[in-house]
Amino acid sequence: MTTYIMLVNWTDQGVKNVRESPKRLDTAKALLEEMGGAFKAVYLTMGDCDLVAVCEAPDDAVAARFALTLSAGGNVRTRTLKAFPEAAYREIIKSLG
């Protein structure tokens, strides 16, 4: 499984309905599970992002479909980062020669 870091911001609609956010998160978790992925951690954050999630998905296409589905609901905008674990990071740097 590939790890992704999702940076999430509520839209105006999402903020108006912020009390429903935990329910929407549960729905998102179920959706990602149906797609073969999983949430590993979710954080409410202060600063540039409202939430940060660490997720796993089988591949980039699933991660993209998941992010697009979330955004289509109109409550959030996402930025998704593909994350490389330390071992992969070390191999990538080593391969530079």
PDB file of N, CA and C in Angstrom:
ATOM      1  N   MET A   1       0.848  -1.188   0.000  1.00  0.00           N
ATOM      2  CA  MET A   1       0.000   0.000   0.000  1.00  0.00           C
ATOM      3  C   MET A   1       0.884   1.239   0.000  1.00  0.00           C
ATOM      4  N   THR A   2       0.400   2.246  -0.665  1.00  0.00           N
ATOM      5  CA  THR A   2       1.101   3.526  -0.722  1.00  0.00           C
ATOM      6  C   THR A   2       0.512   4.474   0.315  1.00  0.00           C
ATOM      7  N   THR A   3       1.375   5.256   0.945  1.00  0.00           N
ATOM      8  CA  THR A   3       0.932   6.223   1.950  1.00  0.00           C
ATOM      9  C   THR A   3       0.767   7.599   1.309  1.00  0.00           C
ATOM     10  N   TYR A   4      -0.284   8.289   1.717  1.00  0.00           N
ATOM     11  CA  TYR A   4      -0.573   9.639   1.237  1.00  0.00           C
ATOM     12  C   TYR A   4      -0.865  10.533   2.433  1.00  0.00           C
ATOM     13  N   ILE A   5      -0.402  11.764   2.349  1.00  0.00           N
ATOM     14  CA  ILE A   5      -0.714  12.780   3.338  1.00  0.00           C
ATOM     15  C   ILE A   5      -1.746  13.691   2.683  1.00  0.00           C
ATOM     16  N   MET A   6      -2.907  13.832   3.297  1.00  0.00           N
ATOM     17  CA  MET A   6      -3.955  14.700   2.755  1.00  0.00           C
ATOM     18  C   MET A   6      -4.067  15.950   3.616  1.00  0.00           C
ATOM     19  N   LEU A   7      -3.891  17.087   2.981  1.00  0.00           N
ATOM     20  CA  LEU A   7      -4.073  18.379   3.636  1.00  0.00           C
ATOM     21  C   LEU A   7      -5.484  18.844   3.284  1.00  0.00           C
ATOM     22  N   VAL A   8      -6.290  19.066   4.296  1.00  0.00           N
ATOM     23  CA  VAL A   8      -7.722  19.318   4.089  1.00  0.00           C
ATOM     24  C   VAL A   8      -8.102  20.690   4.634  1.00  0.00           C
ATOM     25  N   ASN A   9      -8.850  21.434   3.836  1.00  0.00           N
ATOM     26  CA  ASN A   9      -9.410  22.700   4.281  1.00  0.00           C
ATOM     27  C   ASN A   9     -10.912  22.682   4.051  1.00  0.00           C
ATOM     28  N   TRP A  10     -11.653  23.178   5.039  1.00  0.00           N
ATOM     29  CA  TRP A  10     -13.090  23.291   4.879  1.00  0.00           C
ATOM     30  C   TRP A  10     -13.406  24.430   3.916  1.00  0.00           C
ATOM     31  N   THR A  11     -14.399  24.236   3.091  1.00  0.00           N
ATOM     32  CA  THR A  11     -14.929  25.303   2.259  1.00  0.00           C
ATOM     33  C   THR A  11     -15.878  26.131   3.121  1.00  0.00           C
ATOM     34  N   ASP A  12     -16.439  27.200   2.562  1.00  0.00           N
ATOM     35  CA  ASP A  12     -17.441  27.970   3.300  1.00  0.00           C
ATOM     36  C   ASP A  12     -18.601  27.065   3.717  1.00  0.00           C
ATOM     37  N   GLN A  13     -19.018  26.191   2.814  1.00  0.00           N
ATOM     38  CA  GLN A  13     -20.089  25.235   3.117  1.00  0.00           C
ATOM     39  C   GLN A  13     -19.675  24.305   4.251  1.00  0.00           C
ATOM     40  N   GLY A  14     -18.440  23.829   4.204  1.00  0.00           N
ATOM     41  CA  GLY A  14     -17.946  22.922   5.237  1.00  0.00           C
ATOM     42  C   GLY A  14     -17.889  23.557   6.608  1.00  0.00           C
ATOM     43  N   VAL A  15     -17.511  24.832   6.660  1.00  0.00           N
ATOM     44  CA  VAL A  15     -17.458  25.542   7.939  1.00  0.00           C
ATOM     45  C   VAL A  15     -18.869  25.771   8.479  1.00  0.00           C
ATOM     46  N   LYS A  16     -19.797  26.113   7.594  1.00  0.00           N
ATOM     47  CA  LYS A  16     -21.185  26.312   8.042  1.00  0.00           C
ATOM     48  C   LYS A  16     -21.750  25.042   8.663  1.00  0.00           C
ATOM     49  N   ASN A  17     -21.295  23.901   8.170  1.00  0.00           N
ATOM     50  CA  ASN A  17     -21.778  22.603   8.641  1.00  0.00           C
ATOM     51  C   ASN A  17     -20.710  21.859   9.443  1.00  0.00           C
ATOM     52  N   VAL A  18     -19.841  22.600  10.134  1.00  0.00           N
ATOM     53  CA  VAL A  18     -18.697  21.981  10.807  1.00  0.00           C
ATOM     54  C   VAL A  18     -19.124  20.972  11.869  1.00  0.00           C
ATOM     55  N   ARG A  19     -20.272  21.161  12.474  1.00  0.00           N
ATOM     56  CA  ARG A  19     -20.722  20.207  13.500  1.00  0.00           C
ATOM     57  C   ARG A  19     -20.988  18.822  12.913  1.00  0.00           C
ATOM     58  N   GLU A  20     -21.193  18.757  11.611  1.00  0.00           N
ATOM     59  CA  GLU A  20     -21.407  17.473  10.934  1.00  0.00           C
ATOM     60  C   GLU A  20     -20.098  16.856  10.454  1.00  0.00           C
ATOM     61  N   SER A  21     -18.995  17.558  10.679  1.00  0.00           N
ATOM     62  CA  SER A  21     -17.704  17.092  10.183  1.00  0.00           C
ATOM     63  C   SER A  21     -17.328  15.687  10.678  1.00  0.00           C
ATOM     64  N   PRO A  22     -17.522  15.358  11.966  1.00  0.00           N
ATOM     65  CA  PRO A  22     -17.182  13.987  12.399  1.00  0.00           C
ATOM     66  C   PRO A  22     -17.984  12.921  11.638  1.00  0.00           C
ATOM     67  N   LYS A  23     -19.234  13.196  11.344  1.00  0.00           N
ATOM     68  CA  LYS A  23     -20.048  12.253  10.585  1.00  0.00           C
ATOM     69  C   LYS A  23     -19.515  12.116   9.151  1.00  0.00           C
ATOM     70  N   ARG A  24     -19.101  13.249   8.573  1.00  0.00           N
ATOM     71  CA  ARG A  24     -18.538  13.213   7.218  1.00  0.00           C
ATOM     72  C   ARG A  24     -17.213  12.441   7.216  1.00  0.00           C
ATOM     73  N   LEU A  25     -16.425  12.582   8.287  1.00  0.00           N
ATOM     74  CA  LEU A  25     -15.175  11.831   8.387  1.00  0.00           C
ATOM     75  C   LEU A  25     -15.458  10.331   8.431  1.00  0.00           C
ATOM     76  N   ASP A  26     -16.459   9.924   9.194  1.00  0.00           N
ATOM     77  CA  ASP A  26     -16.823   8.503   9.243  1.00  0.00           C
ATOM     78  C   ASP A  26     -17.224   7.997   7.870  1.00  0.00           C
ATOM     79  N   THR A  27     -17.963   8.807   7.127  1.00  0.00           N
ATOM     80  CA  THR A  27     -18.371   8.438   5.768  1.00  0.00           C
ATOM     81  C   THR A  27     -17.148   8.316   4.860  1.00  0.00           C
ATOM     82  N   ALA A  28     -16.206   9.259   4.997  1.00  0.00           N
ATOM     83  CA  ALA A  28     -14.984   9.225   4.196  1.00  0.00           C
ATOM     84  C   ALA A  28     -14.158   7.984   4.515  1.00  0.00           C
ATOM     85  N   LYS A  29     -14.072   7.634   5.796  1.00  0.00           N
ATOM     86  CA  LYS A  29     -13.325   6.434   6.180  1.00  0.00           C
ATOM     87  C   LYS A  29     -13.934   5.186   5.545  1.00  0.00           C
ATOM     88  N   ALA A  30     -15.269   5.107   5.562  1.00  0.00           N
ATOM     89  CA  ALA A  30     -15.945   3.948   4.965  1.00  0.00           C
ATOM     90  C   ALA A  30     -15.717   3.913   3.454  1.00  0.00           C
ATOM     91  N   LEU A  31     -15.761   5.073   2.814  1.00  0.00           N
ATOM     92  CA  LEU A  31     -15.543   5.145   1.368  1.00  0.00           C
ATOM     93  C   LEU A  31     -14.140   4.681   1.005  1.00  0.00           C
ATOM     94  N   LEU A  32     -13.132   5.172   1.718  1.00  0.00           N
ATOM     95  CA  LEU A  32     -11.764   4.762   1.411  1.00  0.00           C
ATOM     96  C   LEU A  32     -11.577   3.271   1.652  1.00  0.00           C
ATOM     97  N   GLU A  33     -12.214   2.752   2.681  1.00  0.00           N
ATOM     98  CA  GLU A  33     -12.138   1.312   2.945  1.00  0.00           C
ATOM     99  C   GLU A  33     -12.739   0.514   1.788  1.00  0.00           C
ATOM    100  N   GLU A  34     -13.887   0.982   1.267  1.00  0.00           N
ATOM    101  CA  GLU A  34     -14.515   0.324   0.107  1.00  0.00           C
ATOM    102  C   GLU A  34     -13.589   0.336  -1.104  1.00  0.00           C
ATOM    103  N   MET A  35     -12.741   1.362  -1.198  1.00  0.00           N
ATOM    104  CA  MET A  35     -11.805   1.488  -2.316  1.00  0.00           C
ATOM    105  C   MET A  35     -10.526   0.695  -2.087  1.00  0.00           C
ATOM    106  N   GLY A  36     -10.430   0.031  -0.940  1.00  0.00           N
ATOM    107  CA  GLY A  36      -9.260  -0.788  -0.647  1.00  0.00           C
ATOM    108  C   GLY A  36      -8.193  -0.083   0.163  1.00  0.00           C
ATOM    109  N   GLY A  37      -8.504   1.106   0.691  1.00  0.00           N
ATOM    110  CA  GLY A  37      -7.532   1.868   1.471  1.00  0.00           C
ATOM    111  C   GLY A  37      -7.937   1.996   2.922  1.00  0.00           C
ATOM    112  N   ALA A  38      -7.244   2.859   3.638  1.00  0.00           N
ATOM    113  CA  ALA A  38      -7.542   3.066   5.058  1.00  0.00           C
ATOM    114  C   ALA A  38      -6.937   4.375   5.537  1.00  0.00           C
ATOM    115  N   PHE A  39      -7.590   4.969   6.520  1.00  0.00           N
ATOM    116  CA  PHE A  39      -7.033   6.109   7.234  1.00  0.00           C
ATOM    117  C   PHE A  39      -6.115   5.558   8.317  1.00  0.00           C
ATOM    118  N   LYS A  40      -4.931   6.110   8.458  1.00  0.00           N
ATOM    119  CA  LYS A  40      -4.010   5.717   9.517  1.00  0.00           C
ATOM    120  C   LYS A  40      -4.052   6.706  10.673  1.00  0.00           C
ATOM    121  N   ALA A  41      -4.314   7.985  10.373  1.00  0.00           N
ATOM    122  CA  ALA A  41      -4.393   9.010  11.414  1.00  0.00           C
ATOM    123  C   ALA A  41      -5.095  10.232  10.842  1.00  0.00           C
ATOM    124  N   VAL A  42      -5.778  10.958  11.723  1.00  0.00           N
ATOM    125  CA  VAL A  42      -6.426  12.217  11.352  1.00  0.00           C
ATOM    126  C   VAL A  42      -6.145  13.218  12.459  1.00  0.00           C
ATOM    127  N   TYR A  43      -5.761  14.425  12.061  1.00  0.00           N
ATOM    128  CA  TYR A  43      -5.453  15.479  13.030  1.00  0.00           C
ATOM    129  C   TYR A  43      -6.210  16.747  12.680  1.00  0.00           C
ATOM    130  N   LEU A  44      -6.842  17.356  13.662  1.00  0.00           N
ATOM    131  CA  LEU A  44      -7.347  18.718  13.541  1.00  0.00           C
ATOM    132  C   LEU A  44      -6.125  19.599  13.742  1.00  0.00           C
ATOM    133  N   THR A  45      -5.899  20.532  12.822  1.00  0.00           N
ATOM    134  CA  THR A  45      -4.684  21.323  12.893  1.00  0.00           C
ATOM    135  C   THR A  45      -4.984  22.818  12.900  1.00  0.00           C
ATOM    136  N   MET A  46      -4.035  23.565  13.398  1.00  0.00           N
ATOM    137  CA  MET A  46      -4.121  25.026  13.382  1.00  0.00           C
ATOM    138  C   MET A  46      -3.078  25.517  12.383  1.00  0.00           C
ATOM    139  N   GLY A  47      -3.408  26.532  11.626  1.00  0.00           N
ATOM    140  CA  GLY A  47      -2.466  27.047  10.645  1.00  0.00           C
ATOM    141  C   GLY A  47      -3.081  27.004   9.259  1.00  0.00           C
ATOM    142  N   ASP A  48      -2.285  26.627   8.279  1.00  0.00           N
ATOM    143  CA  ASP A  48      -2.732  26.655   6.888  1.00  0.00           C
ATOM    144  C   ASP A  48      -3.783  25.602   6.555  1.00  0.00           C
ATOM    145  N   CYS A  49      -3.829  24.530   7.299  1.00  0.00           N
ATOM    146  CA  CYS A  49      -4.772  23.440   7.023  1.00  0.00           C
ATOM    147  C   CYS A  49      -5.687  23.225   8.223  1.00  0.00           C
ATOM    148  N   ASP A  50      -6.918  22.825   7.926  1.00  0.00           N
ATOM    149  CA  ASP A  50      -7.870  22.534   8.999  1.00  0.00           C
ATOM    150  C   ASP A  50      -7.697  21.114   9.536  1.00  0.00           C
ATOM    151  N   LEU A  51      -7.393  20.188   8.643  1.00  0.00           N
ATOM    152  CA  LEU A  51      -7.185  18.794   9.013  1.00  0.00           C
ATOM    153  C   LEU A  51      -6.003  18.238   8.229  1.00  0.00           C
ATOM    154  N   VAL A  52      -5.313  17.284   8.814  1.00  0.00           N
ATOM    155  CA  VAL A  52      -4.288  16.526   8.108  1.00  0.00           C
ATOM    156  C   VAL A  52      -4.597  15.058   8.334  1.00  0.00           C
ATOM    157  N   ALA A  53      -4.620  14.303   7.251  1.00  0.00           N
ATOM    158  CA  ALA A  53      -4.902  12.867   7.352  1.00  0.00           C
ATOM    159  C   ALA A  53      -3.752  12.078   6.738  1.00  0.00           C
ATOM    160  N   VAL A  54      -3.429  10.978   7.362  1.00  0.00           N
ATOM    161  CA  VAL A  54      -2.469  10.030   6.818  1.00  0.00           C
ATOM    162  C   VAL A  54      -3.295   8.831   6.355  1.00  0.00           C
ATOM    163  N   CYS A  55      -3.223   8.556   5.056  1.00  0.00           N
ATOM    164  CA  CYS A  55      -4.049   7.497   4.470  1.00  0.00           C
ATOM    165  C   CYS A  55      -3.181   6.524   3.694  1.00  0.00           C
ATOM    166  N   GLU A  56      -3.727   5.357   3.465  1.00  0.00           N
ATOM    167  CA  GLU A  56      -3.109   4.381   2.572  1.00  0.00           C
ATOM    168  C   GLU A  56      -4.114   4.034   1.489  1.00  0.00           C
ATOM    169  N   ALA A  57      -3.601   3.836   0.278  1.00  0.00           N
ATOM    170  CA  ALA A  57      -4.435   3.417  -0.844  1.00  0.00           C
ATOM    171  C   ALA A  57      -3.622   2.456  -1.698  1.00  0.00           C
ATOM    172  N   PRO A  58      -4.310   1.607  -2.446  1.00  0.00           N
ATOM    173  CA  PRO A  58      -3.591   0.633  -3.268  1.00  0.00           C
ATOM    174  C   PRO A  58      -2.719   1.270  -4.351  1.00  0.00           C
ATOM    175  N   ASP A  59      -3.141   2.433  -4.879  1.00  0.00           N
ATOM    176  CA  ASP A  59      -2.368   3.087  -5.937  1.00  0.00           C
ATOM    177  C   ASP A  59      -2.801   4.540  -6.089  1.00  0.00           C
ATOM    178  N   ASP A  60      -2.105   5.255  -6.961  1.00  0.00           N
ATOM    179  CA  ASP A  60      -2.379   6.674  -7.164  1.00  0.00           C
ATOM    180  C   ASP A  60      -3.778   6.930  -7.718  1.00  0.00           C
ATOM    181  N   ALA A  61      -4.263   6.045  -8.568  1.00  0.00           N
ATOM    182  CA  ALA A  61      -5.596   6.229  -9.152  1.00  0.00           C
ATOM    183  C   ALA A  61      -6.673   6.183  -8.072  1.00  0.00           C
ATOM    184  N   VAL A  62      -6.551   5.271  -7.139  1.00  0.00           N
ATOM    185  CA  VAL A  62      -7.515   5.184  -6.039  1.00  0.00           C
ATOM    186  C   VAL A  62      -7.422   6.435  -5.168  1.00  0.00           C
ATOM    187  N   ALA A  63      -6.213   6.871  -4.867  1.00  0.00           N
ATOM    188  CA  ALA A  63      -6.035   8.074  -4.051  1.00  0.00           C
ATOM    189  C   ALA A  63      -6.649   9.292  -4.750  1.00  0.00           C
ATOM    190  N   ALA A  64      -6.449   9.403  -6.054  1.00  0.00           N
ATOM    191  CA  ALA A  64      -7.017  10.529  -6.815  1.00  0.00           C
ATOM    192  C   ALA A  64      -8.541  10.463  -6.828  1.00  0.00           C
ATOM    193  N   ARG A  65      -9.079   9.282  -7.068  1.00  0.00           N
ATOM    194  CA  ARG A  65     -10.543   9.120  -7.082  1.00  0.00           C
ATOM    195  C   ARG A  65     -11.140   9.463  -5.720  1.00  0.00           C
ATOM    196  N   PHE A  66     -10.469   9.050  -4.661  1.00  0.00           N
ATOM    197  CA  PHE A  66     -10.937   9.351  -3.310  1.00  0.00           C
ATOM    198  C   PHE A  66     -10.926  10.857  -3.051  1.00  0.00           C
ATOM    199  N   ALA A  67      -9.823  11.526  -3.384  1.00  0.00           N
ATOM    200  CA  ALA A  67      -9.717  12.976  -3.168  1.00  0.00           C
ATOM    201  C   ALA A  67     -10.767  13.727  -3.991  1.00  0.00           C
ATOM    202  N   LEU A  68     -10.977  13.320  -5.214  1.00  0.00           N
ATOM    203  CA  LEU A  68     -11.984  13.976  -6.059  1.00  0.00           C
ATOM    204  C   LEU A  68     -13.390  13.769  -5.510  1.00  0.00           C
ATOM    205  N   THR A  69     -13.657  12.585  -5.012  1.00  0.00           N
ATOM    206  CA  THR A  69     -14.975  12.304  -4.428  1.00  0.00           C
ATOM    207  C   THR A  69     -15.202  13.173  -3.198  1.00  0.00           C
ATOM    208  N   LEU A  70     -14.188  13.310  -2.358  1.00  0.00           N
ATOM    209  CA  LEU A  70     -14.322  14.178  -1.183  1.00  0.00           C
ATOM    210  C   LEU A  70     -14.614  15.617  -1.602  1.00  0.00           C
ATOM    211  N   SER A  71     -13.844  16.129  -2.531  1.00  0.00           N
ATOM    212  CA  SER A  71     -14.018  17.516  -2.971  1.00  0.00           C
ATOM    213  C   SER A  71     -15.360  17.745  -3.645  1.00  0.00           C
ATOM    214  N   ALA A  72     -15.856  16.751  -4.344  1.00  0.00           N
ATOM    215  CA  ALA A  72     -17.139  16.879  -5.040  1.00  0.00           C
ATOM    216  C   ALA A  72     -18.297  17.093  -4.066  1.00  0.00           C
ATOM    217  N   GLY A  73     -18.130  16.694  -2.817  1.00  0.00           N
ATOM    218  CA  GLY A  73     -19.165  16.907  -1.806  1.00  0.00           C
ATOM    219  C   GLY A  73     -19.330  18.372  -1.420  1.00  0.00           C
ATOM    220  N   GLY A  74     -18.330  19.183  -1.749  1.00  0.00           N
ATOM    221  CA  GLY A  74     -18.428  20.612  -1.518  1.00  0.00           C
ATOM    222  C   GLY A  74     -18.053  21.104  -0.129  1.00  0.00           C
ATOM    223  N   ASN A  75     -17.709  20.209   0.776  1.00  0.00           N
ATOM    224  CA  ASN A  75     -17.387  20.615   2.150  1.00  0.00           C
ATOM    225  C   ASN A  75     -15.898  20.824   2.391  1.00  0.00           C
ATOM    226  N   VAL A  76     -15.067  20.218   1.551  1.00  0.00           N
ATOM    227  CA  VAL A  76     -13.617  20.322   1.728  1.00  0.00           C
ATOM    228  C   VAL A  76     -12.913  20.479   0.388  1.00  0.00           C
ATOM    229  N   ARG A  77     -11.708  21.013   0.481  1.00  0.00           N
ATOM    230  CA  ARG A  77     -10.745  21.017  -0.616  1.00  0.00           C
ATOM    231  C   ARG A  77      -9.537  20.262  -0.082  1.00  0.00           C
ATOM    232  N   THR A  78      -8.922  19.461  -0.935  1.00  0.00           N
ATOM    233  CA  THR A  78      -7.793  18.657  -0.477  1.00  0.00           C
ATOM    234  C   THR A  78      -6.551  18.905  -1.333  1.00  0.00           C
ATOM    235  N   ARG A  79      -5.414  18.690  -0.715  1.00  0.00           N
ATOM    236  CA  ARG A  79      -4.131  18.600  -1.416  1.00  0.00           C
ATOM    237  C   ARG A  79      -3.523  17.291  -0.943  1.00  0.00           C
ATOM    238  N   THR A  80      -3.146  16.459  -1.886  1.00  0.00           N
ATOM    239  CA  THR A  80      -2.665  15.129  -1.537  1.00  0.00           C
ATOM    240  C   THR A  80      -1.193  15.000  -1.890  1.00  0.00           C
ATOM    241  N   LEU A  81      -0.428  14.511  -0.932  1.00  0.00           N
ATOM    242  CA  LEU A  81       1.005  14.306  -1.109  1.00  0.00           C
ATOM    243  C   LEU A  81       1.299  12.816  -1.040  1.00  0.00           C
ATOM    244  N   LYS A  82       2.024  12.310  -2.016  1.00  0.00           N
ATOM    245  CA  LYS A  82       2.459  10.916  -1.954  1.00  0.00           C
ATOM    246  C   LYS A  82       3.656  10.854  -1.015  1.00  0.00           C
ATOM    247  N   ALA A  83       3.613   9.962  -0.056  1.00  0.00           N
ATOM    248  CA  ALA A  83       4.659   9.877   0.964  1.00  0.00           C
ATOM    249  C   ALA A  83       5.509   8.621   0.752  1.00  0.00           C
ATOM    250  N   PHE A  84       6.815   8.805   0.835  1.00  0.00           N
ATOM    251  CA  PHE A  84       7.752   7.699   0.721  1.00  0.00           C
ATOM    252  C   PHE A  84       8.296   7.386   2.109  1.00  0.00           C
ATOM    253  N   PRO A  85       8.209   6.141   2.556  1.00  0.00           N
ATOM    254  CA  PRO A  85       8.747   5.799   3.878  1.00  0.00           C
ATOM    255  C   PRO A  85      10.272   5.962   3.882  1.00  0.00           C
ATOM    256  N   GLU A  86      10.827   5.981   5.067  1.00  0.00           N
ATOM    257  CA  GLU A  86      12.263   6.237   5.209  1.00  0.00           C
ATOM    258  C   GLU A  86      13.115   5.282   4.379  1.00  0.00           C
ATOM    259  N   ALA A  87      12.763   4.006   4.363  1.00  0.00           N
ATOM    260  CA  ALA A  87      13.564   3.040   3.598  1.00  0.00           C
ATOM    261  C   ALA A  87      13.568   3.398   2.111  1.00  0.00           C
ATOM    262  N   ALA A  88      12.424   3.784   1.579  1.00  0.00           N
ATOM    263  CA  ALA A  88      12.352   4.176   0.169  1.00  0.00           C
ATOM    264  C   ALA A  88      13.134   5.462  -0.066  1.00  0.00           C
ATOM    265  N   TYR A  89      12.996   6.405   0.860  1.00  0.00           N
ATOM    266  CA  TYR A  89      13.754   7.653   0.779  1.00  0.00           C
ATOM    267  C   TYR A  89      15.250   7.364   0.674  1.00  0.00           C
ATOM    268  N   ARG A  90      15.735   6.479   1.535  1.00  0.00           N
ATOM    269  CA  ARG A  90      17.157   6.162   1.536  1.00  0.00           C
ATOM    270  C   ARG A  90      17.584   5.499   0.211  1.00  0.00           C
ATOM    271  N   GLU A  91      16.751   4.625  -0.332  1.00  0.00           N
ATOM    272  CA  GLU A  91      17.052   3.979  -1.609  1.00  0.00           C
ATOM    273  C   GLU A  91      17.065   4.988  -2.748  1.00  0.00           C
ATOM    274  N   ILE A  92      16.120   5.906  -2.733  1.00  0.00           N
ATOM    275  CA  ILE A  92      16.058   6.937  -3.784  1.00  0.00           C
ATOM    276  C   ILE A  92      17.321   7.792  -3.755  1.00  0.00           C
ATOM    277  N   ILE A  93      17.722   8.222  -2.558  1.00  0.00           N
ATOM    278  CA  ILE A  93      18.932   9.043  -2.443  1.00  0.00           C
ATOM    279  C   ILE A  93      20.163   8.239  -2.838  1.00  0.00           C
ATOM    280  N   LYS A  94      20.208   6.981  -2.414  1.00  0.00           N
ATOM    281  CA  LYS A  94      21.354   6.115  -2.753  1.00  0.00           C
ATOM    282  C   LYS A  94      21.479   5.932  -4.263  1.00  0.00           C
ATOM    283  N   SER A  95      20.351   5.871  -4.947  1.00  0.00           N
ATOM    284  CA  SER A  95      20.361   5.644  -6.390  1.00  0.00           C
ATOM    285  C   SER A  95      20.890   6.838  -7.178  1.00  0.00           C
ATOM    286  N   LEU A  96      21.044   7.979  -6.514  1.00  0.00           N
ATOM    287  CA  LEU A  96      21.569   9.166  -7.192  1.00  0.00           C
ATOM    288  C   LEU A  96      23.062   9.035  -7.516  1.00  0.00           C
ATOM    289  N   GLY A  97      23.696   8.076  -6.852  1.00  0.00           N
ATOM    290  CA  GLY A  97      25.107   7.828  -7.134  1.00  0.00           C
ATOM    291  C   GLY A  97      26.069   8.598  -6.291  1.00  0.00           C
TER     292      GLY A  97
END
